C-alpha cells in the first residue's frame, strides 16, 4: 500500500507541473490532498459527521477508483470561472461539478493556504449540518452540505481548481471543478458496505 501511495504522488506531481495554469503547484497539491483525505476517511468507515459515523464504502478508496486525480483541462475550466471574479455558479458546465469559496480582507490577500482553507470550509459542512444518509436526498442537499458531498462524490474522479485575486487583491475567489459531476438527488454519494 505504501508503494501505491508513492507512485500515486509521483504521477500527480508530474500532472501539476504540466498544467501551466494560474494555480501554484503547492495549492493544487493541497486541494488534492484535502479531498483525498476526506474520501479516504469516508471510504474506510472512519469519518464522523457531527457525531455520526458514516458507513465504510463497499469499494475501498485504495483501489484508486475513488481517488481524485488532478486534470489540467479541468483546471483551465475552473480558472476561467475564477477569472471572472464573480461569486456565482457558472453556466453550461458539461458534466462538471463546481465548488466556490471566497475570502475578503481589508488588506491584500494571497493564494497561500487557499487550497486547505477552501477545502476545509467545504468539508466543515458535514460537521456543521450533519450527514444523515449516504443517499443525497432533497432534504439533505437543502441542509447545506452540497460542497462537502461534491468533495466526497465517489463517481467524481478528476479535480481541477482555479484561483483569482480580485478587488485590488483584497479578495480571492476559489473555484474547483469535478468530473464526473456529483450531487444528483436520490443517488448515493458513495456505495456503502
N, C-alpha and C. Protein backbone atom coordinates (compact mmCIF):
# COMPACT_ATOMS: atom_id res chain seq x y z
N UNK A 1 0.83 -1.18 0.00
CA UNK A 1 0.00 0.00 0.00
C UNK A 1 0.88 1.25 0.00
N UNK A 2 1.96 1.26 0.73
CA UNK A 2 2.87 2.40 0.80
C UNK A 2 3.43 2.71 -0.58
N UNK A 3 3.82 1.67 -1.35
CA UNK A 3 4.35 1.89 -2.70
C UNK A 3 3.30 2.52 -3.60
N UNK A 4 2.05 2.08 -3.44
CA UNK A 4 0.96 2.62 -4.23
C UNK A 4 0.82 4.12 -3.99
N UNK A 5 0.91 4.54 -2.74
CA UNK A 5 0.80 5.97 -2.40
C UNK A 5 1.95 6.77 -3.00
N UNK A 6 3.16 6.22 -2.95
CA UNK A 6 4.31 6.91 -3.53
C UNK A 6 4.14 7.05 -5.03
N UNK A 7 3.72 5.99 -5.69
CA UNK A 7 3.52 6.03 -7.14
C UNK A 7 2.43 7.03 -7.49
N UNK A 8 1.37 7.05 -6.71
CA UNK A 8 0.28 7.99 -6.94
C UNK A 8 0.78 9.42 -6.80
N UNK A 9 1.55 9.71 -5.77
CA UNK A 9 2.09 11.05 -5.56
C UNK A 9 2.99 11.47 -6.71
N UNK A 10 3.81 10.56 -7.19
CA UNK A 10 4.70 10.88 -8.30
C UNK A 10 3.91 11.20 -9.57
N UNK A 11 2.87 10.43 -9.83
CA UNK A 11 2.06 10.66 -11.02
C UNK A 11 1.35 12.00 -10.96
N UNK A 12 0.79 12.35 -9.81
CA UNK A 12 0.06 13.60 -9.72
C UNK A 12 1.01 14.79 -9.72
N UNK A 13 2.20 14.65 -9.19
CA UNK A 13 3.16 15.75 -9.20
C UNK A 13 3.54 16.12 -10.64
N UNK A 14 3.70 15.12 -11.49
CA UNK A 14 4.01 15.38 -12.90
C UNK A 14 2.86 16.15 -13.54
N UNK A 15 1.63 15.76 -13.25
CA UNK A 15 0.48 16.44 -13.84
C UNK A 15 0.43 17.90 -13.42
N UNK A 16 0.72 18.21 -12.17
CA UNK A 16 0.66 19.60 -11.72
C UNK A 16 1.67 20.45 -12.47
N UNK A 17 2.87 19.92 -12.68
CA UNK A 17 3.91 20.73 -13.31
C UNK A 17 3.63 20.97 -14.79
N UNK A 18 2.75 20.21 -15.39
CA UNK A 18 2.46 20.34 -16.82
C UNK A 18 1.27 21.25 -17.12
N UNK A 19 0.55 21.70 -16.10
CA UNK A 19 -0.69 22.45 -16.35
C UNK A 19 -0.46 23.86 -16.86
N UNK A 20 0.55 24.54 -16.37
CA UNK A 20 0.80 25.93 -16.77
C UNK A 20 -0.42 26.82 -16.56
N UNK A 21 -1.19 26.55 -15.52
CA UNK A 21 -2.38 27.35 -15.21
C UNK A 21 -2.04 28.45 -14.23
N UNK A 22 -3.07 29.06 -13.69
CA UNK A 22 -2.87 30.16 -12.77
C UNK A 22 -2.71 29.74 -11.32
N UNK A 23 -2.74 28.46 -11.04
CA UNK A 23 -2.73 28.00 -9.66
C UNK A 23 -1.33 27.50 -9.28
N UNK A 24 -0.81 27.94 -8.14
CA UNK A 24 0.51 27.45 -7.70
C UNK A 24 0.47 25.93 -7.45
N UNK A 25 1.55 25.28 -7.77
CA UNK A 25 1.61 23.81 -7.61
C UNK A 25 1.35 23.39 -6.17
N UNK A 26 1.84 24.15 -5.19
CA UNK A 26 1.63 23.78 -3.78
C UNK A 26 0.14 23.81 -3.43
N UNK A 27 -0.59 24.76 -3.99
CA UNK A 27 -2.02 24.84 -3.71
C UNK A 27 -2.77 23.69 -4.39
N UNK A 28 -2.39 23.35 -5.62
CA UNK A 28 -3.01 22.20 -6.30
C UNK A 28 -2.80 20.94 -5.47
N UNK A 29 -1.60 20.77 -4.96
CA UNK A 29 -1.29 19.60 -4.13
C UNK A 29 -2.17 19.60 -2.88
N UNK A 30 -2.36 20.77 -2.26
CA UNK A 30 -3.18 20.85 -1.06
C UNK A 30 -4.65 20.56 -1.34
N UNK A 31 -5.17 21.07 -2.46
CA UNK A 31 -6.56 20.74 -2.83
C UNK A 31 -6.73 19.23 -2.93
N UNK A 32 -5.85 18.60 -3.68
CA UNK A 32 -5.96 17.17 -3.90
C UNK A 32 -5.80 16.38 -2.61
N UNK A 33 -4.83 16.77 -1.79
CA UNK A 33 -4.60 16.06 -0.52
C UNK A 33 -5.81 16.18 0.41
N UNK A 34 -6.40 17.37 0.51
CA UNK A 34 -7.55 17.56 1.39
C UNK A 34 -8.75 16.74 0.91
N UNK A 35 -8.99 16.76 -0.39
CA UNK A 35 -10.11 15.98 -0.93
C UNK A 35 -9.90 14.49 -0.71
N UNK A 36 -8.71 14.00 -1.03
CA UNK A 36 -8.46 12.56 -0.90
C UNK A 36 -8.39 12.11 0.55
N UNK A 37 -7.99 12.98 1.45
CA UNK A 37 -8.01 12.65 2.88
C UNK A 37 -9.45 12.42 3.33
N UNK A 38 -10.35 13.32 2.94
CA UNK A 38 -11.77 13.17 3.28
C UNK A 38 -12.32 11.88 2.68
N UNK A 39 -12.04 11.64 1.41
CA UNK A 39 -12.58 10.47 0.73
C UNK A 39 -12.04 9.18 1.33
N UNK A 40 -10.78 9.19 1.72
CA UNK A 40 -10.18 8.01 2.35
C UNK A 40 -10.83 7.74 3.71
N UNK A 41 -11.04 8.78 4.48
CA UNK A 41 -11.66 8.63 5.80
C UNK A 41 -13.09 8.09 5.67
N UNK A 42 -13.84 8.61 4.71
CA UNK A 42 -15.20 8.11 4.47
C UNK A 42 -15.15 6.66 4.02
N UNK A 43 -14.30 6.39 3.06
CA UNK A 43 -14.20 5.05 2.49
C UNK A 43 -13.87 3.99 3.53
N UNK A 44 -12.98 4.32 4.44
CA UNK A 44 -12.54 3.36 5.45
C UNK A 44 -13.51 3.20 6.61
N UNK A 45 -14.55 4.02 6.65
CA UNK A 45 -15.52 3.95 7.74
C UNK A 45 -15.07 4.70 8.98
N UNK A 46 -14.08 5.57 8.85
CA UNK A 46 -13.57 6.35 9.98
C UNK A 46 -14.12 7.77 10.04
N UNK A 47 -14.96 8.14 9.10
CA UNK A 47 -15.43 9.53 9.06
C UNK A 47 -16.63 9.71 9.97
N UNK A 48 -16.56 10.74 10.81
CA UNK A 48 -17.66 11.09 11.71
C UNK A 48 -18.13 12.49 11.35
N UNK A 49 -19.41 12.58 10.99
CA UNK A 49 -20.03 13.86 10.61
C UNK A 49 -20.97 14.29 11.73
N UNK A 50 -20.58 15.31 12.45
CA UNK A 50 -21.37 15.86 13.55
C UNK A 50 -21.86 14.74 14.49
N UNK A 51 -20.91 13.90 14.91
CA UNK A 51 -21.22 12.84 15.86
C UNK A 51 -21.73 11.54 15.26
N UNK A 52 -21.94 11.47 13.96
CA UNK A 52 -22.45 10.25 13.32
C UNK A 52 -21.36 9.63 12.45
N UNK A 53 -20.99 8.38 12.78
CA UNK A 53 -20.00 7.67 11.96
C UNK A 53 -20.67 7.19 10.68
N UNK A 54 -20.06 7.53 9.56
CA UNK A 54 -20.58 7.11 8.27
C UNK A 54 -20.11 5.69 7.96
N UNK A 55 -20.94 4.91 7.28
CA UNK A 55 -20.53 3.54 6.96
C UNK A 55 -19.38 3.51 5.96
N UNK A 56 -18.57 2.49 6.07
CA UNK A 56 -17.46 2.29 5.13
C UNK A 56 -18.00 2.08 3.72
N UNK A 57 -17.16 2.35 2.76
CA UNK A 57 -17.55 2.17 1.36
C UNK A 57 -17.43 0.71 0.96
N UNK A 58 -18.26 0.31 0.04
CA UNK A 58 -18.25 -1.05 -0.49
C UNK A 58 -16.94 -1.32 -1.22
N UNK A 59 -16.47 -0.32 -1.98
CA UNK A 59 -15.21 -0.43 -2.71
C UNK A 59 -14.21 0.50 -2.06
N UNK A 60 -13.15 -0.03 -1.47
CA UNK A 60 -12.18 0.82 -0.76
C UNK A 60 -11.53 1.84 -1.68
N UNK A 61 -11.22 2.99 -1.09
CA UNK A 61 -10.60 4.07 -1.85
C UNK A 61 -9.22 3.68 -2.38
N UNK A 62 -8.53 2.81 -1.71
CA UNK A 62 -7.17 2.46 -2.12
C UNK A 62 -7.12 1.74 -3.46
N UNK A 63 -8.28 1.35 -4.00
CA UNK A 63 -8.24 0.70 -5.32
C UNK A 63 -8.13 1.72 -6.44
N UNK A 64 -7.95 3.01 -6.06
CA UNK A 64 -7.76 4.12 -7.00
C UNK A 64 -9.04 4.53 -7.71
N UNK A 65 -10.15 3.82 -7.54
CA UNK A 65 -11.38 4.22 -8.20
C UNK A 65 -11.90 5.52 -7.59
N UNK A 66 -11.80 5.66 -6.28
CA UNK A 66 -12.35 6.83 -5.62
C UNK A 66 -11.34 7.94 -5.39
N UNK A 67 -10.07 7.70 -5.69
CA UNK A 67 -9.08 8.77 -5.58
C UNK A 67 -9.37 9.82 -6.63
N UNK A 68 -9.23 11.07 -6.26
CA UNK A 68 -9.29 12.14 -7.25
C UNK A 68 -7.89 12.36 -7.80
N UNK A 69 -7.80 12.63 -9.08
CA UNK A 69 -6.53 13.00 -9.70
C UNK A 69 -6.70 14.38 -10.30
N UNK A 70 -5.60 15.10 -10.41
CA UNK A 70 -5.62 16.45 -10.95
C UNK A 70 -5.71 16.39 -12.47
N UNK A 71 -6.50 17.27 -13.06
CA UNK A 71 -6.69 17.30 -14.50
C UNK A 71 -6.47 18.74 -15.01
N UNK A 72 -5.54 18.89 -15.92
CA UNK A 72 -5.17 20.22 -16.42
C UNK A 72 -6.31 20.91 -17.18
N UNK A 73 -7.06 20.17 -17.96
CA UNK A 73 -8.18 20.77 -18.70
C UNK A 73 -9.26 21.25 -17.73
N UNK A 74 -9.50 20.48 -16.69
CA UNK A 74 -10.49 20.89 -15.70
C UNK A 74 -9.98 22.10 -14.92
N UNK A 75 -8.67 22.13 -14.65
CA UNK A 75 -8.08 23.32 -14.01
C UNK A 75 -8.33 24.56 -14.87
N UNK A 76 -8.14 24.45 -16.18
CA UNK A 76 -8.37 25.58 -17.08
C UNK A 76 -9.82 26.05 -17.02
N UNK A 77 -10.74 25.10 -16.95
CA UNK A 77 -12.16 25.43 -16.87
C UNK A 77 -12.46 26.18 -15.57
N UNK A 78 -11.93 25.69 -14.46
CA UNK A 78 -12.14 26.33 -13.16
C UNK A 78 -11.47 27.71 -13.13
N UNK A 79 -10.29 27.81 -13.73
CA UNK A 79 -9.58 29.09 -13.75
C UNK A 79 -10.35 30.14 -14.55
N UNK A 80 -10.98 29.72 -15.64
CA UNK A 80 -11.78 30.66 -16.45
C UNK A 80 -12.93 31.24 -15.63
N UNK A 81 -13.54 30.42 -14.79
CA UNK A 81 -14.62 30.91 -13.93
C UNK A 81 -14.05 31.83 -12.86
N UNK A 82 -12.94 31.43 -12.24
CA UNK A 82 -12.31 32.27 -11.20
C UNK A 82 -11.92 33.64 -11.78
N UNK A 83 -11.47 33.67 -13.02
CA UNK A 83 -11.02 34.92 -13.64
C UNK A 83 -12.13 35.97 -13.76
N UNK A 84 -13.38 35.54 -13.68
CA UNK A 84 -14.50 36.49 -13.75
C UNK A 84 -14.65 37.30 -12.47
N UNK A 85 -14.07 36.81 -11.37
CA UNK A 85 -14.21 37.45 -10.05
C UNK A 85 -15.66 37.55 -9.60
N UNK A 86 -16.53 36.70 -10.14
CA UNK A 86 -17.95 36.70 -9.77
C UNK A 86 -18.22 35.45 -8.94
N UNK A 87 -18.71 35.67 -7.72
CA UNK A 87 -19.02 34.55 -6.83
C UNK A 87 -20.42 34.04 -7.14
N UNK A 88 -20.52 33.24 -8.20
CA UNK A 88 -21.78 32.65 -8.63
C UNK A 88 -21.46 31.41 -9.46
N UNK A 89 -22.30 30.39 -9.31
CA UNK A 89 -22.05 29.17 -10.08
C UNK A 89 -22.13 29.47 -11.57
N UNK A 90 -21.21 28.87 -12.31
CA UNK A 90 -21.13 29.08 -13.74
C UNK A 90 -22.22 28.29 -14.46
N UNK A 91 -22.46 28.67 -15.67
CA UNK A 91 -23.48 28.02 -16.51
C UNK A 91 -22.80 27.08 -17.50
N UNK A 92 -23.58 26.19 -18.07
CA UNK A 92 -23.13 25.32 -19.15
C UNK A 92 -21.90 24.49 -18.81
N UNK A 93 -21.83 24.00 -17.59
CA UNK A 93 -20.74 23.09 -17.22
C UNK A 93 -21.12 21.71 -17.74
N UNK A 94 -20.36 21.19 -18.64
CA UNK A 94 -20.67 19.88 -19.21
C UNK A 94 -20.05 18.79 -18.35
N UNK A 95 -20.91 18.14 -17.56
CA UNK A 95 -20.51 17.06 -16.67
C UNK A 95 -19.42 17.49 -15.69
N UNK A 96 -19.48 18.73 -15.23
CA UNK A 96 -18.55 19.22 -14.22
C UNK A 96 -19.32 19.70 -13.01
N UNK A 97 -18.97 19.16 -11.84
CA UNK A 97 -19.47 19.72 -10.59
C UNK A 97 -18.65 20.96 -10.27
N UNK A 98 -19.15 21.78 -9.34
CA UNK A 98 -18.45 23.03 -9.05
C UNK A 98 -18.60 23.40 -7.59
N UNK A 99 -17.50 23.75 -6.95
CA UNK A 99 -17.49 24.33 -5.61
C UNK A 99 -16.85 25.70 -5.68
N UNK A 100 -17.40 26.64 -4.91
CA UNK A 100 -16.91 28.01 -4.86
C UNK A 100 -16.54 28.39 -3.43
N UNK A 101 -15.56 29.24 -3.30
CA UNK A 101 -15.14 29.77 -2.00
C UNK A 101 -14.56 31.16 -2.23
N UNK A 102 -14.83 32.06 -1.32
CA UNK A 102 -14.22 33.38 -1.41
C UNK A 102 -13.82 33.85 -0.02
N UNK A 103 -12.82 34.71 0.01
CA UNK A 103 -12.35 35.30 1.26
C UNK A 103 -11.99 36.75 0.98
N UNK A 104 -12.43 37.65 1.85
CA UNK A 104 -12.12 39.07 1.74
C UNK A 104 -11.25 39.50 2.89
N UNK A 105 -10.61 40.65 2.70
CA UNK A 105 -9.83 41.27 3.76
C UNK A 105 -9.72 42.76 3.47
N UNK A 106 -9.42 43.54 4.50
CA UNK A 106 -9.17 44.97 4.28
C UNK A 106 -7.74 45.17 3.77
N UNK A 107 -6.92 44.13 3.91
CA UNK A 107 -5.55 44.14 3.40
C UNK A 107 -5.46 43.22 2.19
N UNK A 108 -4.37 43.29 1.49
CA UNK A 108 -4.16 42.38 0.35
C UNK A 108 -4.09 40.94 0.85
N UNK A 109 -4.64 40.04 0.04
CA UNK A 109 -4.60 38.61 0.33
C UNK A 109 -3.72 37.92 -0.70
N UNK A 110 -3.47 36.64 -0.50
CA UNK A 110 -2.66 35.86 -1.45
C UNK A 110 -3.30 34.49 -1.63
N UNK A 111 -2.73 33.74 -2.53
CA UNK A 111 -3.19 32.37 -2.75
C UNK A 111 -2.72 31.42 -1.65
N UNK A 112 -1.73 31.82 -0.90
CA UNK A 112 -1.11 30.94 0.09
C UNK A 112 -2.13 30.38 1.08
N UNK A 113 -2.21 29.06 1.12
CA UNK A 113 -3.10 28.37 2.05
C UNK A 113 -4.52 28.21 1.57
N UNK A 114 -4.86 28.73 0.41
CA UNK A 114 -6.25 28.69 -0.06
C UNK A 114 -6.72 27.28 -0.41
N UNK A 115 -5.81 26.41 -0.84
CA UNK A 115 -6.20 25.02 -1.12
C UNK A 115 -6.76 24.36 0.12
N UNK A 116 -6.08 24.55 1.25
CA UNK A 116 -6.56 23.98 2.52
C UNK A 116 -7.75 24.73 3.06
N UNK A 117 -7.72 26.06 3.06
CA UNK A 117 -8.80 26.85 3.64
C UNK A 117 -10.14 26.56 2.95
N UNK A 118 -10.14 26.57 1.64
CA UNK A 118 -11.40 26.34 0.93
C UNK A 118 -11.88 24.90 1.10
N UNK A 119 -10.97 23.94 0.98
CA UNK A 119 -11.36 22.54 1.14
C UNK A 119 -11.88 22.28 2.54
N UNK A 120 -11.21 22.84 3.55
CA UNK A 120 -11.66 22.65 4.93
C UNK A 120 -13.02 23.30 5.17
N UNK A 121 -13.25 24.45 4.54
CA UNK A 121 -14.54 25.11 4.65
C UNK A 121 -15.65 24.24 4.08
N UNK A 122 -15.40 23.66 2.91
CA UNK A 122 -16.41 22.79 2.29
C UNK A 122 -16.65 21.54 3.12
N UNK A 123 -15.59 20.89 3.56
CA UNK A 123 -15.73 19.67 4.36
C UNK A 123 -16.44 19.96 5.67
N UNK A 124 -16.25 21.14 6.23
CA UNK A 124 -16.85 21.51 7.51
C UNK A 124 -18.39 21.52 7.46
N UNK A 125 -18.96 21.57 6.27
CA UNK A 125 -20.42 21.49 6.17
C UNK A 125 -20.94 20.21 6.82
N UNK A 126 -20.22 19.10 6.69
CA UNK A 126 -20.63 17.85 7.33
C UNK A 126 -20.63 18.00 8.85
N UNK A 127 -19.68 18.75 9.38
CA UNK A 127 -19.60 18.94 10.83
C UNK A 127 -20.66 19.93 11.31
N UNK A 128 -20.92 20.94 10.52
CA UNK A 128 -21.86 21.98 10.91
C UNK A 128 -23.32 21.51 10.79
N UNK A 129 -23.64 20.82 9.68
CA UNK A 129 -25.02 20.47 9.41
C UNK A 129 -25.33 18.99 9.57
N UNK A 130 -24.30 18.16 9.73
CA UNK A 130 -24.52 16.72 9.83
C UNK A 130 -24.65 16.07 8.46
N UNK A 131 -24.68 14.75 8.46
CA UNK A 131 -24.83 13.99 7.22
C UNK A 131 -25.59 12.74 7.60
N UNK A 132 -26.86 12.73 7.30
CA UNK A 132 -27.74 11.68 7.79
C UNK A 132 -27.76 10.41 6.98
N UNK A 133 -27.42 10.48 5.71
CA UNK A 133 -27.57 9.30 4.85
C UNK A 133 -26.63 9.42 3.66
N UNK A 134 -26.10 8.28 3.19
CA UNK A 134 -25.24 8.33 2.00
C UNK A 134 -26.04 8.67 0.75
N UNK A 135 -27.35 8.49 0.79
CA UNK A 135 -28.20 8.91 -0.34
C UNK A 135 -28.42 10.41 -0.21
N UNK A 136 -28.19 11.14 -1.29
CA UNK A 136 -28.38 12.58 -1.28
C UNK A 136 -29.84 12.88 -1.56
N UNK A 137 -30.58 13.12 -0.51
CA UNK A 137 -32.00 13.44 -0.62
C UNK A 137 -32.16 14.95 -0.80
N UNK A 138 -33.31 15.39 -1.27
CA UNK A 138 -33.55 16.84 -1.35
C UNK A 138 -33.36 17.53 0.00
N UNK A 139 -33.83 16.90 1.08
CA UNK A 139 -33.68 17.49 2.42
C UNK A 139 -32.21 17.56 2.81
N UNK A 140 -31.45 16.52 2.51
CA UNK A 140 -30.02 16.52 2.83
C UNK A 140 -29.28 17.61 2.07
N UNK A 141 -29.56 17.72 0.79
CA UNK A 141 -28.90 18.75 -0.02
C UNK A 141 -29.27 20.14 0.47
N UNK A 142 -30.54 20.34 0.78
CA UNK A 142 -31.02 21.64 1.26
C UNK A 142 -30.46 22.01 2.62
N UNK A 143 -29.94 21.03 3.35
CA UNK A 143 -29.41 21.31 4.69
C UNK A 143 -28.11 22.12 4.64
N UNK A 144 -27.46 22.17 3.49
CA UNK A 144 -26.25 22.96 3.37
C UNK A 144 -24.98 22.16 3.21
N UNK A 145 -25.08 20.89 2.78
CA UNK A 145 -23.89 20.04 2.67
C UNK A 145 -23.45 19.82 1.22
N UNK A 146 -23.92 20.62 0.29
CA UNK A 146 -23.66 20.40 -1.13
C UNK A 146 -22.20 20.49 -1.53
N UNK A 147 -21.41 21.39 -0.92
CA UNK A 147 -19.99 21.45 -1.25
C UNK A 147 -19.28 20.19 -0.75
N UNK A 148 -19.64 19.77 0.47
CA UNK A 148 -18.99 18.60 1.06
C UNK A 148 -19.34 17.33 0.29
N UNK A 149 -20.61 17.18 -0.10
CA UNK A 149 -20.97 15.97 -0.84
C UNK A 149 -20.30 15.93 -2.21
N UNK A 150 -20.09 17.10 -2.84
CA UNK A 150 -19.35 17.09 -4.11
C UNK A 150 -17.92 16.63 -3.88
N UNK A 151 -17.30 17.06 -2.79
CA UNK A 151 -15.94 16.61 -2.48
C UNK A 151 -15.89 15.09 -2.34
N UNK A 152 -16.93 14.53 -1.72
CA UNK A 152 -16.95 13.10 -1.40
C UNK A 152 -17.54 12.24 -2.51
N UNK A 153 -18.15 12.83 -3.52
CA UNK A 153 -18.89 12.08 -4.55
C UNK A 153 -17.97 11.05 -5.22
N UNK A 154 -18.25 9.78 -5.01
CA UNK A 154 -17.35 8.71 -5.44
C UNK A 154 -17.19 8.62 -6.96
N UNK A 155 -18.20 9.01 -7.71
CA UNK A 155 -18.11 8.92 -9.17
C UNK A 155 -17.30 10.07 -9.77
N UNK A 156 -17.00 11.07 -8.96
CA UNK A 156 -16.09 12.14 -9.41
C UNK A 156 -14.68 11.61 -9.25
N UNK A 157 -13.91 11.61 -10.32
CA UNK A 157 -12.56 11.05 -10.26
C UNK A 157 -11.48 12.06 -10.66
N UNK A 158 -11.88 13.22 -11.18
CA UNK A 158 -10.90 14.22 -11.60
C UNK A 158 -11.25 15.57 -10.99
N UNK A 159 -10.20 16.31 -10.66
CA UNK A 159 -10.34 17.60 -10.00
C UNK A 159 -9.44 18.61 -10.68
N UNK A 160 -9.90 19.83 -10.77
CA UNK A 160 -9.09 20.95 -11.22
C UNK A 160 -9.64 22.21 -10.57
N UNK A 161 -8.76 23.06 -10.07
CA UNK A 161 -9.19 24.27 -9.38
C UNK A 161 -8.49 25.48 -9.95
N UNK A 162 -9.13 26.63 -9.79
CA UNK A 162 -8.55 27.89 -10.20
C UNK A 162 -8.73 28.91 -9.10
N UNK A 163 -7.86 29.92 -9.08
CA UNK A 163 -7.95 30.98 -8.08
C UNK A 163 -7.64 32.31 -8.74
N UNK A 164 -8.28 33.35 -8.24
CA UNK A 164 -8.04 34.69 -8.78
C UNK A 164 -8.10 35.70 -7.64
N UNK A 165 -7.13 36.61 -7.62
CA UNK A 165 -7.16 37.74 -6.70
C UNK A 165 -8.00 38.83 -7.34
N UNK A 166 -8.97 39.36 -6.60
CA UNK A 166 -9.93 40.32 -7.13
C UNK A 166 -10.01 41.54 -6.22
N UNK A 167 -10.70 42.56 -6.67
CA UNK A 167 -10.96 43.76 -5.88
C UNK A 167 -9.68 44.33 -5.27
N UNK A 168 -8.72 44.63 -6.12
CA UNK A 168 -7.46 45.19 -5.64
C UNK A 168 -6.67 44.22 -4.78
N UNK A 169 -6.81 42.95 -5.07
CA UNK A 169 -6.14 41.87 -4.34
C UNK A 169 -6.58 41.79 -2.88
N UNK A 170 -7.80 42.26 -2.58
CA UNK A 170 -8.35 42.17 -1.23
C UNK A 170 -9.38 41.05 -1.12
N UNK A 171 -9.57 40.33 -2.20
CA UNK A 171 -10.49 39.20 -2.23
C UNK A 171 -9.86 38.11 -3.09
N UNK A 172 -10.06 36.87 -2.68
CA UNK A 172 -9.64 35.75 -3.51
C UNK A 172 -10.89 34.91 -3.82
N UNK A 173 -11.02 34.50 -5.06
CA UNK A 173 -12.10 33.62 -5.47
C UNK A 173 -11.48 32.28 -5.85
N UNK A 174 -12.00 31.23 -5.25
CA UNK A 174 -11.54 29.86 -5.50
C UNK A 174 -12.67 29.09 -6.17
N UNK A 175 -12.34 28.39 -7.24
CA UNK A 175 -13.31 27.57 -7.97
C UNK A 175 -12.70 26.20 -8.19
N UNK A 176 -13.41 25.15 -7.81
CA UNK A 176 -12.99 23.78 -8.13
C UNK A 176 -14.05 23.13 -9.00
N UNK A 177 -13.59 22.45 -10.03
CA UNK A 177 -14.46 21.67 -10.90
C UNK A 177 -14.14 20.19 -10.74
N UNK A 178 -15.16 19.37 -10.89
CA UNK A 178 -15.07 17.93 -10.67
C UNK A 178 -15.69 17.20 -11.85
N UNK A 179 -15.01 16.16 -12.32
CA UNK A 179 -15.58 15.29 -13.35
C UNK A 179 -15.53 13.87 -12.82
N UNK A 180 -16.55 13.18 -12.85
CA UNK A 180 -17.92 13.46 -13.25
C UNK A 180 -18.58 14.30 -12.17
N UNK A 181 -19.56 15.09 -12.62
CA UNK A 181 -20.29 15.94 -11.68
C UNK A 181 -20.99 15.07 -10.64
N UNK A 182 -21.12 15.62 -9.46
CA UNK A 182 -21.83 14.93 -8.38
C UNK A 182 -23.12 15.65 -8.03
N UNK A 183 -23.61 15.33 -6.84
CA UNK A 183 -24.80 15.96 -6.27
C UNK A 183 -26.07 15.72 -7.07
N UNK A 184 -26.27 14.48 -7.49
CA UNK A 184 -27.52 14.10 -8.12
C UNK A 184 -28.47 13.62 -7.03
N UNK A 185 -29.62 14.26 -6.96
CA UNK A 185 -30.58 13.92 -5.91
C UNK A 185 -31.04 12.48 -6.03
N UNK A 186 -31.25 11.87 -4.88
CA UNK A 186 -31.71 10.49 -4.73
C UNK A 186 -30.71 9.47 -5.26
N UNK A 187 -29.44 9.87 -5.36
CA UNK A 187 -28.36 8.94 -5.66
C UNK A 187 -27.42 8.90 -4.45
N UNK A 188 -26.68 7.81 -4.33
CA UNK A 188 -25.72 7.69 -3.24
C UNK A 188 -24.48 8.50 -3.54
N UNK A 189 -23.97 9.17 -2.52
CA UNK A 189 -22.70 9.87 -2.62
C UNK A 189 -21.60 8.84 -2.88
N UNK A 190 -21.71 7.69 -2.23
CA UNK A 190 -20.83 6.54 -2.45
C UNK A 190 -21.64 5.30 -2.08
N UNK A 191 -21.16 4.14 -2.48
CA UNK A 191 -21.86 2.90 -2.17
C UNK A 191 -21.36 2.35 -0.83
N UNK A 192 -22.24 2.28 0.17
CA UNK A 192 -21.82 1.76 1.47
C UNK A 192 -21.69 0.24 1.47
N UNK A 193 -20.89 -0.24 2.39
CA UNK A 193 -20.71 -1.68 2.54
C UNK A 193 -22.00 -2.33 2.99
